[in-house]
PDB file of N, CA and C in Angstrom:
ATOM      1  N   UNK A   1    -138.115 111.941  35.784  1.00  0.00           N
ATOM      2  CA  UNK A   1    -137.584 110.657  35.380  1.00  0.00           C
ATOM      3  C   UNK A   1    -136.106 110.562  35.689  1.00  0.00           C
ATOM      4  N   UNK A   2    -135.306 111.641  35.441  1.00  0.00           N
ATOM      5  CA  UNK A   2    -133.901 111.628  35.762  1.00  0.00           C
ATOM      6  C   UNK A   2    -133.716 111.404  37.248  1.00  0.00           C
ATOM      7  N   UNK A   3    -134.454 112.078  38.034  1.00  0.00           N
ATOM      8  CA  UNK A   3    -134.339 111.904  39.503  1.00  0.00           C
ATOM      9  C   UNK A   3    -134.539 110.510  39.927  1.00  0.00           C
ATOM     10  N   UNK A   4    -135.452 109.826  39.354  1.00  0.00           N
ATOM     11  CA  UNK A   4    -135.739 108.438  39.640  1.00  0.00           C
ATOM     12  C   UNK A   4    -134.518 107.512  39.341  1.00  0.00           C
ATOM     13  N   UNK A   5    -133.966 107.729  38.179  1.00  0.00           N
ATOM     14  CA  UNK A   5    -132.824 106.972  37.730  1.00  0.00           C
ATOM     15  C   UNK A   5    -131.579 107.259  38.608  1.00  0.00           C
ATOM     16  N   UNK A   6    -131.428 108.528  38.947  1.00  0.00           N
ATOM     17  CA  UNK A   6    -130.337 108.895  39.896  1.00  0.00           C
ATOM     18  C   UNK A   6    -130.494 108.195  41.185  1.00  0.00           C
ATOM     19  N   UNK A   7    -131.720 108.185  41.710  1.00  0.00           N
ATOM     20  CA  UNK A   7    -131.982 107.539  43.064  1.00  0.00           C
ATOM     21  C   UNK A   7    -131.718 106.057  42.945  1.00  0.00           C
ATOM     22  N   UNK A   8    -132.057 105.437  41.851  1.00  0.00           N
ATOM     23  CA  UNK A   8    -131.826 103.988  41.635  1.00  0.00           C
ATOM     24  C   UNK A   8    -130.316 103.706  41.646  1.00  0.00           C
ATOM     25  N   UNK A   9    -129.618 104.524  40.924  1.00  0.00           N
ATOM     26  CA  UNK A   9    -128.146 104.330  40.848  1.00  0.00           C
ATOM     27  C   UNK A   9    -127.504 104.572  42.201  1.00  0.00           C
ATOM     28  N   UNK A  10    -127.933 105.562  42.991  1.00  0.00           N
ATOM     29  CA  UNK A  10    -127.430 105.763  44.293  1.00  0.00           C
ATOM     30  C   UNK A  10    -127.725 104.591  45.212  1.00  0.00           C
ATOM     31  N   UNK A  11    -128.877 104.058  45.151  1.00  0.00           N
ATOM     32  CA  UNK A  11    -129.293 102.875  45.929  1.00  0.00           C
ATOM     33  C   UNK A  11    -128.413 101.685  45.547  1.00  0.00           C
ATOM     34  N   UNK A  12    -128.201 101.493  44.287  1.00  0.00           N
ATOM     35  CA  UNK A  12    -127.420 100.376  43.821  1.00  0.00           C
ATOM     36  C   UNK A  12    -125.942 100.560  44.304  1.00  0.00           C
ATOM     37  N   UNK A  13    -125.446 101.705  44.253  1.00  0.00           N
ATOM     38  CA  UNK A  13    -124.074 101.963  44.762  1.00  0.00           C
ATOM     39  C   UNK A  13    -124.002 101.699  46.260  1.00  0.00           C
ATOM     40  N   UNK A  14    -124.990 102.205  47.006  1.00  0.00           N
ATOM     41  CA  UNK A  14    -125.031 101.951  48.483  1.00  0.00           C
ATOM     42  C   UNK A  14    -125.100 100.420  48.714  1.00  0.00           C
ATOM     43  N   UNK A  15    -125.955  99.761  47.959  1.00  0.00           N
ATOM     44  CA  UNK A  15    -126.017  98.266  48.203  1.00  0.00           C
ATOM     45  C   UNK A  15    -124.725  97.587  47.884  1.00  0.00           C
ATOM     46  N   UNK A  16    -124.008  98.029  46.887  1.00  0.00           N
ATOM     47  CA  UNK A  16    -122.728  97.401  46.579  1.00  0.00           C
ATOM     48  C   UNK A  16    -121.716  97.749  47.700  1.00  0.00           C
ATOM     49  N   UNK A  17    -121.703  98.968  48.196  1.00  0.00           N
ATOM     50  CA  UNK A  17    -120.775  99.289  49.296  1.00  0.00           C
ATOM     51  C   UNK A  17    -121.141  98.503  50.549  1.00  0.00           C
ATOM     52  N   UNK A  18    -122.458  98.345  50.848  1.00  0.00           N
ATOM     53  CA  UNK A  18    -122.850  97.524  52.041  1.00  0.00           C
ATOM     54  C   UNK A  18    -122.450  96.061  51.833  1.00  0.00           C
ATOM     55  N   UNK A  19    -122.619  95.557  50.621  1.00  0.00           N
ATOM     56  CA  UNK A  19    -122.225  94.172  50.332  1.00  0.00           C
ATOM     57  C   UNK A  19    -120.726  93.960  50.565  1.00  0.00           C
ATOM     58  N   UNK A  20    -119.930  94.946  50.077  1.00  0.00           N
ATOM     59  CA  UNK A  20    -118.490  94.824  50.208  1.00  0.00           C
ATOM     60  C   UNK A  20    -118.072  94.849  51.721  1.00  0.00           C
ATOM     61  N   UNK A  21    -118.765  95.702  52.425  1.00  0.00           N
ATOM     62  CA  UNK A  21    -118.473  95.751  53.924  1.00  0.00           C
ATOM     63  C   UNK A  21    -118.792  94.442  54.568  1.00  0.00           C
ATOM     64  N   UNK A  22    -119.926  93.901  54.238  1.00  0.00           N
ATOM     65  CA  UNK A  22    -120.371  92.628  54.802  1.00  0.00           C
ATOM     66  C   UNK A  22    -119.421  91.459  54.373  1.00  0.00           C
ATOM     67  N   UNK A  23    -118.961  91.508  53.111  1.00  0.00           N
ATOM     68  CA  UNK A  23    -117.988  90.498  52.641  1.00  0.00           C
ATOM     69  C   UNK A  23    -116.692  90.630  53.428  1.00  0.00           C
ATOM     70  N   UNK A  24    -116.225  91.849  53.584  1.00  0.00           N
ATOM     71  CA  UNK A  24    -114.976  92.017  54.355  1.00  0.00           C
ATOM     72  C   UNK A  24    -115.107  91.528  55.777  1.00  0.00           C
ATOM     73  N   UNK A  25    -116.267  91.789  56.393  1.00  0.00           N
ATOM     74  CA  UNK A  25    -116.493  91.243  57.767  1.00  0.00           C
ATOM     75  C   UNK A  25    -116.531  89.785  57.783  1.00  0.00           C
ATOM     76  N   UNK A  26    -117.192  89.169  56.819  1.00  0.00           N
ATOM     77  CA  UNK A  26    -117.313  87.693  56.762  1.00  0.00           C
ATOM     78  C   UNK A  26    -115.922  87.140  56.554  1.00  0.00           C
ATOM     79  N   UNK A  27    -115.112  87.726  55.700  1.00  0.00           N
ATOM     80  CA  UNK A  27    -113.731  87.195  55.466  1.00  0.00           C
ATOM     81  C   UNK A  27    -112.904  87.369  56.770  1.00  0.00           C
ATOM     82  N   UNK A  28    -113.076  88.412  57.546  1.00  0.00           N
ATOM     83  CA  UNK A  28    -112.343  88.608  58.713  1.00  0.00           C
ATOM     84  C   UNK A  28    -112.773  87.525  59.758  1.00  0.00           C
ATOM     85  N   UNK A  29    -114.071  87.212  59.810  1.00  0.00           N
ATOM     86  CA  UNK A  29    -114.564  86.169  60.723  1.00  0.00           C
ATOM     87  C   UNK A  29    -113.969  84.812  60.295  1.00  0.00           C
ATOM     88  N   UNK A  30    -113.885  84.531  59.013  1.00  0.00           N
ATOM     89  CA  UNK A  30    -113.320  83.285  58.537  1.00  0.00           C
ATOM     90  C   UNK A  30    -111.871  83.129  58.884  1.00  0.00           C
ATOM     91  N   UNK A  31    -111.129  84.279  58.881  1.00  0.00           N
ATOM     92  CA  UNK A  31    -109.704  84.190  59.225  1.00  0.00           C
ATOM     93  C   UNK A  31    -109.490  83.719  60.646  1.00  0.00           C
ATOM     94  N   UNK A  32    -110.402  84.088  61.540  1.00  0.00           N
ATOM     95  CA  UNK A  32    -110.249  83.699  62.977  1.00  0.00           C
ATOM     96  C   UNK A  32    -110.980  82.368  63.267  1.00  0.00           C
ATOM     97  N   UNK A  33    -111.744  81.885  62.347  1.00  0.00           N
ATOM     98  CA  UNK A  33    -112.456  80.646  62.611  1.00  0.00           C
ATOM     99  C   UNK A  33    -111.541  79.461  62.571  1.00  0.00           C
ATOM    100  N   UNK A  34    -111.891  78.455  63.300  1.00  0.00           N
ATOM    101  CA  UNK A  34    -111.135  77.161  63.281  1.00  0.00           C
ATOM    102  C   UNK A  34    -112.068  75.993  63.126  1.00  0.00           C
ATOM    103  N   UNK A  35    -111.641  75.011  62.337  1.00  0.00           N
ATOM    104  CA  UNK A  35    -112.420  73.828  62.196  1.00  0.00           C
ATOM    105  C   UNK A  35    -111.457  72.618  62.528  1.00  0.00           C
ATOM    106  N   UNK A  36    -111.996  71.529  62.902  1.00  0.00           N
ATOM    107  CA  UNK A  36    -111.187  70.353  63.225  1.00  0.00           C
ATOM    108  C   UNK A  36    -111.678  69.192  62.263  1.00  0.00           C
ATOM    109  N   UNK A  37    -110.680  68.765  61.560  1.00  0.00           N
ATOM    110  CA  UNK A  37    -110.900  67.556  60.743  1.00  0.00           C
ATOM    111  C   UNK A  37    -110.254  66.352  61.446  1.00  0.00           C
ATOM    112  N   UNK A  38    -111.018  65.269  61.360  1.00  0.00           N
ATOM    113  CA  UNK A  38    -110.476  64.050  62.033  1.00  0.00           C
ATOM    114  C   UNK A  38    -110.658  62.824  61.229  1.00  0.00           C
ATOM    115  N   UNK A  39    -109.925  61.799  61.587  1.00  0.00           N
ATOM    116  CA  UNK A  39    -109.966  60.525  60.914  1.00  0.00           C
ATOM    117  C   UNK A  39    -109.630  59.443  61.944  1.00  0.00           C
ATOM    118  N   UNK A  40    -110.014  58.189  61.566  1.00  0.00           N
ATOM    119  CA  UNK A  40    -109.684  57.097  62.419  1.00  0.00           C
ATOM    120  C   UNK A  40    -110.410  57.149  63.751  1.00  0.00           C
ATOM    121  N   UNK A  41    -111.671  57.635  63.708  1.00  0.00           N
ATOM    122  CA  UNK A  41    -112.452  57.720  64.957  1.00  0.00           C
ATOM    123  C   UNK A  41    -111.808  58.719  65.964  1.00  0.00           C
ATOM    124  N   UNK A  42    -111.179  59.770  65.399  1.00  0.00           N
ATOM    125  CA  UNK A  42    -110.594  60.758  66.275  1.00  0.00           C
ATOM    126  C   UNK A  42    -109.129  60.501  66.685  1.00  0.00           C
ATOM    127  N   UNK A  43    -108.553  59.392  66.112  1.00  0.00           N
ATOM    128  CA  UNK A  43    -107.214  59.083  66.461  1.00  0.00           C
ATOM    129  C   UNK A  43    -106.188  60.070  65.860  1.00  0.00           C
ATOM    130  N   UNK A  44    -106.604  60.731  64.834  1.00  0.00           N
ATOM    131  CA  UNK A  44    -105.790  61.812  64.207  1.00  0.00           C
ATOM    132  C   UNK A  44    -106.758  62.962  63.928  1.00  0.00           C
ATOM    133  N   UNK A  45    -106.324  64.131  64.379  1.00  0.00           N
ATOM    134  CA  UNK A  45    -107.147  65.378  64.078  1.00  0.00           C
ATOM    135  C   UNK A  45    -106.212  66.521  63.679  1.00  0.00           C
ATOM    136  N   UNK A  46    -106.765  67.361  62.821  1.00  0.00           N
ATOM    137  CA  UNK A  46    -106.066  68.535  62.272  1.00  0.00           C
ATOM    138  C   UNK A  46    -107.012  69.710  62.548  1.00  0.00           C
ATOM    139  N   UNK A  47    -106.439  70.734  63.237  1.00  0.00           N
ATOM    140  CA  UNK A  47    -107.170  71.994  63.389  1.00  0.00           C
ATOM    141  C   UNK A  47    -106.695  72.935  62.312  1.00  0.00           C
ATOM    142  N   UNK A  48    -107.657  73.538  61.601  1.00  0.00           N
ATOM    143  CA  UNK A  48    -107.281  74.375  60.459  1.00  0.00           C
ATOM    144  C   UNK A  48    -108.018  75.704  60.597  1.00  0.00           C
ATOM    145  N   UNK A  49    -107.328  76.734  60.140  1.00  0.00           N
ATOM    146  CA  UNK A  49    -107.987  78.067  60.129  1.00  0.00           C
ATOM    147  C   UNK A  49    -108.946  78.229  58.955  1.00  0.00           C
ATOM    148  N   UNK A  50    -109.743  79.234  58.909  1.00  0.00           N
ATOM    149  CA  UNK A  50    -110.569  79.510  57.782  1.00  0.00           C
ATOM    150  C   UNK A  50    -109.839  79.942  56.574  1.00  0.00           C
ATOM    151  N   UNK A  51    -108.528  80.133  56.733  1.00  0.00           N
ATOM    152  CA  UNK A  51    -107.683  80.422  55.599  1.00  0.00           C
ATOM    153  C   UNK A  51    -106.933  79.224  55.153  1.00  0.00           C
ATOM    154  N   UNK A  52    -107.364  78.034  55.544  1.00  0.00           N
ATOM    155  CA  UNK A  52    -106.737  76.760  55.142  1.00  0.00           C
ATOM    156  C   UNK A  52    -105.303  76.589  55.696  1.00  0.00           C
ATOM    157  N   UNK A  53    -105.064  77.198  56.852  1.00  0.00           N
ATOM    158  CA  UNK A  53    -103.749  77.049  57.450  1.00  0.00           C
ATOM    159  C   UNK A  53    -103.812  75.996  58.586  1.00  0.00           C
ATOM    160  N   UNK A  54    -102.973  75.003  58.562  1.00  0.00           N
ATOM    161  CA  UNK A  54    -102.957  74.028  59.676  1.00  0.00           C
ATOM    162  C   UNK A  54    -102.417  74.672  60.902  1.00  0.00           C
ATOM    163  N   UNK A  55    -103.195  74.545  62.018  1.00  0.00           N
ATOM    164  CA  UNK A  55    -102.742  75.160  63.262  1.00  0.00           C
ATOM    165  C   UNK A  55    -102.293  74.085  64.204  1.00  0.00           C
ATOM    166  N   UNK A  56    -102.895  72.944  64.224  1.00  0.00           N
ATOM    167  CA  UNK A  56    -102.537  71.883  65.218  1.00  0.00           C
ATOM    168  C   UNK A  56    -102.784  70.575  64.542  1.00  0.00           C
ATOM    169  N   UNK A  57    -101.943  69.594  64.923  1.00  0.00           N
ATOM    170  CA  UNK A  57    -102.073  68.180  64.526  1.00  0.00           C
ATOM    171  C   UNK A  57    -101.998  67.369  65.757  1.00  0.00           C
ATOM    172  N   UNK A  58    -102.977  66.496  65.959  1.00  0.00           N
ATOM    173  CA  UNK A  58    -102.928  65.584  67.120  1.00  0.00           C
ATOM    174  C   UNK A  58    -102.999  64.157  66.583  1.00  0.00           C
ATOM    175  N   UNK A  59    -102.037  63.374  67.096  1.00  0.00           N
ATOM    176  CA  UNK A  59    -101.998  61.961  66.704  1.00  0.00           C
ATOM    177  C   UNK A  59    -101.956  61.094  67.999  1.00  0.00           C
ATOM    178  N   UNK A  60    -102.841  60.171  68.090  1.00  0.00           N
ATOM    179  CA  UNK A  60    -102.849  59.317  69.280  1.00  0.00           C
ATOM    180  C   UNK A  60    -101.574  58.570  69.359  1.00  0.00           C
ATOM    181  N   UNK A  61    -100.949  58.634  70.562  1.00  0.00           N
ATOM    182  CA  UNK A  61     -99.585  58.086  70.771  1.00  0.00           C
ATOM    183  C   UNK A  61     -99.511  56.588  70.438  1.00  0.00           C
ATOM    184  N   UNK A  62    -100.559  55.860  70.716  1.00  0.00           N
ATOM    185  CA  UNK A  62    -100.581  54.367  70.397  1.00  0.00           C
ATOM    186  C   UNK A  62    -100.474  54.173  68.936  1.00  0.00           C
ATOM    187  N   UNK A  63    -101.078  55.026  68.151  1.00  0.00           N
ATOM    188  CA  UNK A  63    -101.081  54.833  66.747  1.00  0.00           C
ATOM    189  C   UNK A  63     -99.639  55.031  66.150  1.00  0.00           C
ATOM    190  N   UNK A  64     -98.837  55.838  66.711  1.00  0.00           N
ATOM    191  CA  UNK A  64     -97.476  56.121  66.255  1.00  0.00           C
ATOM    192  C   UNK A  64     -96.646  54.859  66.415  1.00  0.00           C
ATOM    193  N   UNK A  65     -96.860  54.160  67.486  1.00  0.00           N
ATOM    194  CA  UNK A  65     -96.048  52.900  67.766  1.00  0.00           C
ATOM    195  C   UNK A  65     -96.415  51.808  66.876  1.00  0.00           C
ATOM    196  N   UNK A  66     -97.659  51.689  66.572  1.00  0.00           N
ATOM    197  CA  UNK A  66     -98.211  50.489  65.927  1.00  0.00           C
ATOM    198  C   UNK A  66     -98.070  50.439  64.356  1.00  0.00           C
ATOM    199  N   UNK A  67     -98.484  51.544  63.704  1.00  0.00           N
ATOM    200  CA  UNK A  67     -98.511  51.478  62.251  1.00  0.00           C
ATOM    201  C   UNK A  67     -98.269  52.852  61.613  1.00  0.00           C
ATOM    202  N   UNK A  68     -97.004  53.182  61.351  1.00  0.00           N
ATOM    203  CA  UNK A  68     -96.726  54.479  60.732  1.00  0.00           C
ATOM    204  C   UNK A  68     -97.423  54.697  59.388  1.00  0.00           C
ATOM    205  N   UNK A  69     -97.601  53.712  58.581  1.00  0.00           N
ATOM    206  CA  UNK A  69     -98.268  53.931  57.307  1.00  0.00           C
ATOM    207  C   UNK A  69     -99.707  54.320  57.517  1.00  0.00           C
ATOM    208  N   UNK A  70    -100.408  53.720  58.550  1.00  0.00           N
ATOM    209  CA  UNK A  70    -101.719  54.103  58.844  1.00  0.00           C
ATOM    210  C   UNK A  70    -101.830  55.539  59.330  1.00  0.00           C
ATOM    211  N   UNK A  71    -100.782  56.004  60.000  1.00  0.00           N
ATOM    212  CA  UNK A  71    -100.734  57.342  60.487  1.00  0.00           C
ATOM    213  C   UNK A  71    -100.686  58.292  59.221  1.00  0.00           C
ATOM    214  N   UNK A  72     -99.927  57.958  58.301  1.00  0.00           N
ATOM    215  CA  UNK A  72     -99.848  58.760  57.066  1.00  0.00           C
ATOM    216  C   UNK A  72    -101.206  58.901  56.410  1.00  0.00           C
ATOM    217  N   UNK A  73    -101.831  57.743  56.258  1.00  0.00           N
ATOM    218  CA  UNK A  73    -103.169  57.696  55.617  1.00  0.00           C
ATOM    219  C   UNK A  73    -104.204  58.509  56.369  1.00  0.00           C
ATOM    220  N   UNK A  74    -104.260  58.348  57.750  1.00  0.00           N
ATOM    221  CA  UNK A  74    -105.195  59.009  58.574  1.00  0.00           C
ATOM    222  C   UNK A  74    -104.902  60.510  58.573  1.00  0.00           C
ATOM    223  N   UNK A  75    -103.622  60.890  58.585  1.00  0.00           N
ATOM    224  CA  UNK A  75    -103.310  62.292  58.552  1.00  0.00           C
ATOM    225  C   UNK A  75    -103.821  62.961  57.286  1.00  0.00           C
ATOM    226  N   UNK A  76    -103.589  62.315  56.133  1.00  0.00           N
ATOM    227  CA  UNK A  76    -104.099  62.848  54.896  1.00  0.00           C
ATOM    228  C   UNK A  76    -105.614  62.966  54.915  1.00  0.00           C
ATOM    229  N   UNK A  77    -106.293  61.968  55.452  1.00  0.00           N
ATOM    230  CA  UNK A  77    -107.735  61.969  55.541  1.00  0.00           C
ATOM    231  C   UNK A  77    -108.192  63.041  56.456  1.00  0.00           C
ATOM    232  N   UNK A  78    -107.531  63.325  57.575  1.00  0.00           N
ATOM    233  CA  UNK A  78    -107.916  64.356  58.513  1.00  0.00           C
ATOM    234  C   UNK A  78    -107.711  65.747  57.888  1.00  0.00           C
ATOM    235  N   UNK A  79    -106.609  65.942  57.121  1.00  0.00           N
ATOM    236  CA  UNK A  79    -106.407  67.184  56.429  1.00  0.00           C
ATOM    237  C   UNK A  79    -107.540  67.420  55.429  1.00  0.00           C
ATOM    238  N   UNK A  80    -107.892  66.438  54.627  1.00  0.00           N
ATOM    239  CA  UNK A  80    -108.923  66.593  53.677  1.00  0.00           C
ATOM    240  C   UNK A  80    -110.245  66.923  54.307  1.00  0.00           C
ATOM    241  N   UNK A  81    -110.528  66.285  55.448  1.00  0.00           N
ATOM    242  CA  UNK A  81    -111.719  66.498  56.214  1.00  0.00           C
ATOM    243  C   UNK A  81    -111.788  67.978  56.688  1.00  0.00           C
ATOM    244  N   UNK A  82    -110.639  68.506  57.171  1.00  0.00           N
ATOM    245  CA  UNK A  82    -110.566  69.864  57.595  1.00  0.00           C
ATOM    246  C   UNK A  82    -110.802  70.867  56.422  1.00  0.00           C
ATOM    247  N   UNK A  83    -110.160  70.577  55.327  1.00  0.00           N
ATOM    248  CA  UNK A  83    -110.289  71.378  54.084  1.00  0.00           C
ATOM    249  C   UNK A  83    -111.761  71.438  53.722  1.00  0.00           C
ATOM    250  N   UNK A  84    -112.440  70.299  53.697  1.00  0.00           N
ATOM    251  CA  UNK A  84    -113.835  70.260  53.333  1.00  0.00           C
ATOM    252  C   UNK A  84    -114.712  71.104  54.319  1.00  0.00           C
ATOM    253  N   UNK A  85    -114.333  71.033  55.585  1.00  0.00           N
ATOM    254  CA  UNK A  85    -115.124  71.769  56.587  1.00  0.00           C
ATOM    255  C   UNK A  85    -114.911  73.293  56.452  1.00  0.00           C
ATOM    256  N   UNK A  86    -113.669  73.716  56.083  1.00  0.00           N
ATOM    257  CA  UNK A  86    -113.457  75.100  55.868  1.00  0.00           C
ATOM    258  C   UNK A  86    -114.287  75.595  54.639  1.00  0.00           C
ATOM    259  N   UNK A  87    -114.323  74.762  53.595  1.00  0.00           N
ATOM    260  CA  UNK A  87    -115.110  75.078  52.390  1.00  0.00           C
ATOM    261  C   UNK A  87    -116.572  75.273  52.770  1.00  0.00           C
ATOM    262  N   UNK A  88    -117.122  74.327  53.579  1.00  0.00           N
ATOM    263  CA  UNK A  88    -118.490  74.419  53.976  1.00  0.00           C
ATOM    264  C   UNK A  88    -118.787  75.643  54.867  1.00  0.00           C
ATOM    265  N   UNK A  89    -117.826  75.946  55.785  1.00  0.00           N
ATOM    266  CA  UNK A  89    -117.965  77.164  56.616  1.00  0.00           C
ATOM    267  C   UNK A  89    -117.916  78.409  55.789  1.00  0.00           C
ATOM    268  N   UNK A  90    -117.055  78.479  54.844  1.00  0.00           N
ATOM    269  CA  UNK A  90    -116.926  79.675  53.941  1.00  0.00           C
ATOM    270  C   UNK A  90    -118.199  79.792  53.165  1.00  0.00           C
ATOM    271  N   UNK A  91    -118.700  78.709  52.561  1.00  0.00           N
ATOM    272  CA  UNK A  91    -119.952  78.856  51.744  1.00  0.00           C
ATOM    273  C   UNK A  91    -121.066  79.282  52.608  1.00  0.00           C
ATOM    274  N   UNK A  92    -121.138  78.756  53.831  1.00  0.00           N
ATOM    275  CA  UNK A  92    -122.255  79.144  54.752  1.00  0.00           C
ATOM    276  C   UNK A  92    -122.216  80.604  55.076  1.00  0.00           C
ATOM    277  N   UNK A  93    -120.959  81.091  55.434  1.00  0.00           N
ATOM    278  CA  UNK A  93    -120.872  82.542  55.766  1.00  0.00           C
ATOM    279  C   UNK A  93    -121.151  83.418  54.600  1.00  0.00           C
ATOM    280  N   UNK A  94    -120.695  83.038  53.462  1.00  0.00           N
ATOM    281  CA  UNK A  94    -120.900  83.856  52.226  1.00  0.00           C
ATOM    282  C   UNK A  94    -122.367  83.835  51.837  1.00  0.00           C
ATOM    283  N   UNK A  95    -123.043  82.694  52.077  1.00  0.00           N
ATOM    284  CA  UNK A  95    -124.483  82.648  51.741  1.00  0.00           C
ATOM    285  C   UNK A  95    -125.292  83.645  52.593  1.00  0.00           C
ATOM    286  N   UNK A  96    -124.837  83.813  53.832  1.00  0.00           N
ATOM    287  CA  UNK A  96    -125.507  84.813  54.736  1.00  0.00           C
ATOM    288  C   UNK A  96    -125.359  86.181  54.149  1.00  0.00           C
ATOM    289  N   UNK A  97    -124.173  86.491  53.704  1.00  0.00           N
ATOM    290  CA  UNK A  97    -123.917  87.845  53.149  1.00  0.00           C
ATOM    291  C   UNK A  97    -124.666  88.079  51.834  1.00  0.00           C
ATOM    292  N   UNK A  98    -124.749  87.088  51.023  1.00  0.00           N
ATOM    293  CA  UNK A  98    -125.403  87.247  49.744  1.00  0.00           C
ATOM    294  C   UNK A  98    -126.900  86.962  49.764  1.00  0.00           C
ATOM    295  N   UNK A  99    -127.399  86.700  50.965  1.00  0.00           N
ATOM    296  CA  UNK A  99    -128.817  86.375  51.140  1.00  0.00           C
ATOM    297  C   UNK A  99    -129.221  85.121  50.477  1.00  0.00           C
ATOM    298  N   UNK A 100    -128.276  84.150  50.331  1.00  0.00           N
ATOM    299  CA  UNK A 100    -128.604  82.847  49.757  1.00  0.00           C
ATOM    300  C   UNK A 100    -128.607  82.896  48.223  1.00  0.00           C
ATOM    301  N   UNK A 101    -128.236  84.045  47.641  1.00  0.00           N
ATOM    302  CA  UNK A 101    -128.210  84.224  46.190  1.00  0.00           C
ATOM    303  C   UNK A 101    -127.131  83.203  45.654  1.00  0.00           C
ATOM    304  N   UNK A 102    -127.598  82.395  44.701  1.00  0.00           N
ATOM    305  CA  UNK A 102    -126.635  81.431  44.115  1.00  0.00           C
ATOM    306  C   UNK A 102    -125.804  82.163  43.094  1.00  0.00           C
ATOM    307  N   UNK A 103    -124.501  82.169  43.323  1.00  0.00           N
ATOM    308  CA  UNK A 103    -123.610  82.842  42.405  1.00  0.00           C
ATOM    309  C   UNK A 103    -123.016  81.758  41.430  1.00  0.00           C
ATOM    310  N   UNK A 104    -122.706  82.200  40.238  1.00  0.00           N
ATOM    311  CA  UNK A 104    -122.128  81.269  39.252  1.00  0.00           C
ATOM    312  C   UNK A 104    -120.826  80.698  39.766  1.00  0.00           C
ATOM    313  N   UNK A 105    -120.445  79.494  39.325  1.00  0.00           N
ATOM    314  CA  UNK A 105    -119.183  78.953  39.731  1.00  0.00           C
ATOM    315  C   UNK A 105    -118.009  79.886  39.334  1.00  0.00           C
ATOM    316  N   UNK A 106    -117.082  80.099  40.256  1.00  0.00           N
ATOM    317  CA  UNK A 106    -115.959  80.962  39.969  1.00  0.00           C
ATOM    318  C   UNK A 106    -116.169  82.413  40.172  1.00  0.00           C
ATOM    319  N   UNK A 107    -117.433  82.750  40.497  1.00  0.00           N
ATOM    320  CA  UNK A 107    -117.779  84.185  40.764  1.00  0.00           C
ATOM    321  C   UNK A 107    -117.352  84.499  42.187  1.00  0.00           C
ATOM    322  N   UNK A 108    -116.458  85.459  42.353  1.00  0.00           N
ATOM    323  CA  UNK A 108    -115.954  85.746  43.652  1.00  0.00           C
ATOM    324  C   UNK A 108    -116.372  87.111  44.078  1.00  0.00           C
ATOM    325  N   UNK A 109    -116.725  87.233  45.340  1.00  0.00           N
ATOM    326  CA  UNK A 109    -117.035  88.542  45.932  1.00  0.00           C
ATOM    327  C   UNK A 109    -115.985  88.785  46.963  1.00  0.00           C
ATOM    328  N   UNK A 110    -115.622  90.018  47.323  1.00  0.00           N
ATOM    329  CA  UNK A 110    -116.126  91.247  46.648  1.00  0.00           C
ATOM    330  C   UNK A 110    -115.600  91.410  45.278  1.00  0.00           C
ATOM    331  N   UNK A 111    -116.220  92.308  44.518  1.00  0.00           N
ATOM    332  CA  UNK A 111    -115.966  92.512  43.107  1.00  0.00           C
ATOM    333  C   UNK A 111    -114.531  92.934  42.885  1.00  0.00           C
TER     334      UNK A 111
END
């Protein structure tokens, strides 16, 4: 009986170690990932890293001349679009690691 419990505990520990390695790999992949958020039919775009760092901003030159207030609105929309795409990418990558296991809100891996 004790041997069985010991084996179960060893297996659980190995599973936890494997999960932590997979989580670290997924987070490393997210760091190098890039998403592009856009607004105004592509007139404004923001490239963002998987760590929510803005890497590039592109604004159509014609837009700058015509309506600065619209540029501000479109830039905010493009940033929000990029942030949402990073969140979707992160959720997708983490779901692969956890095997689609639904974790409670606020539950962060690795432990």
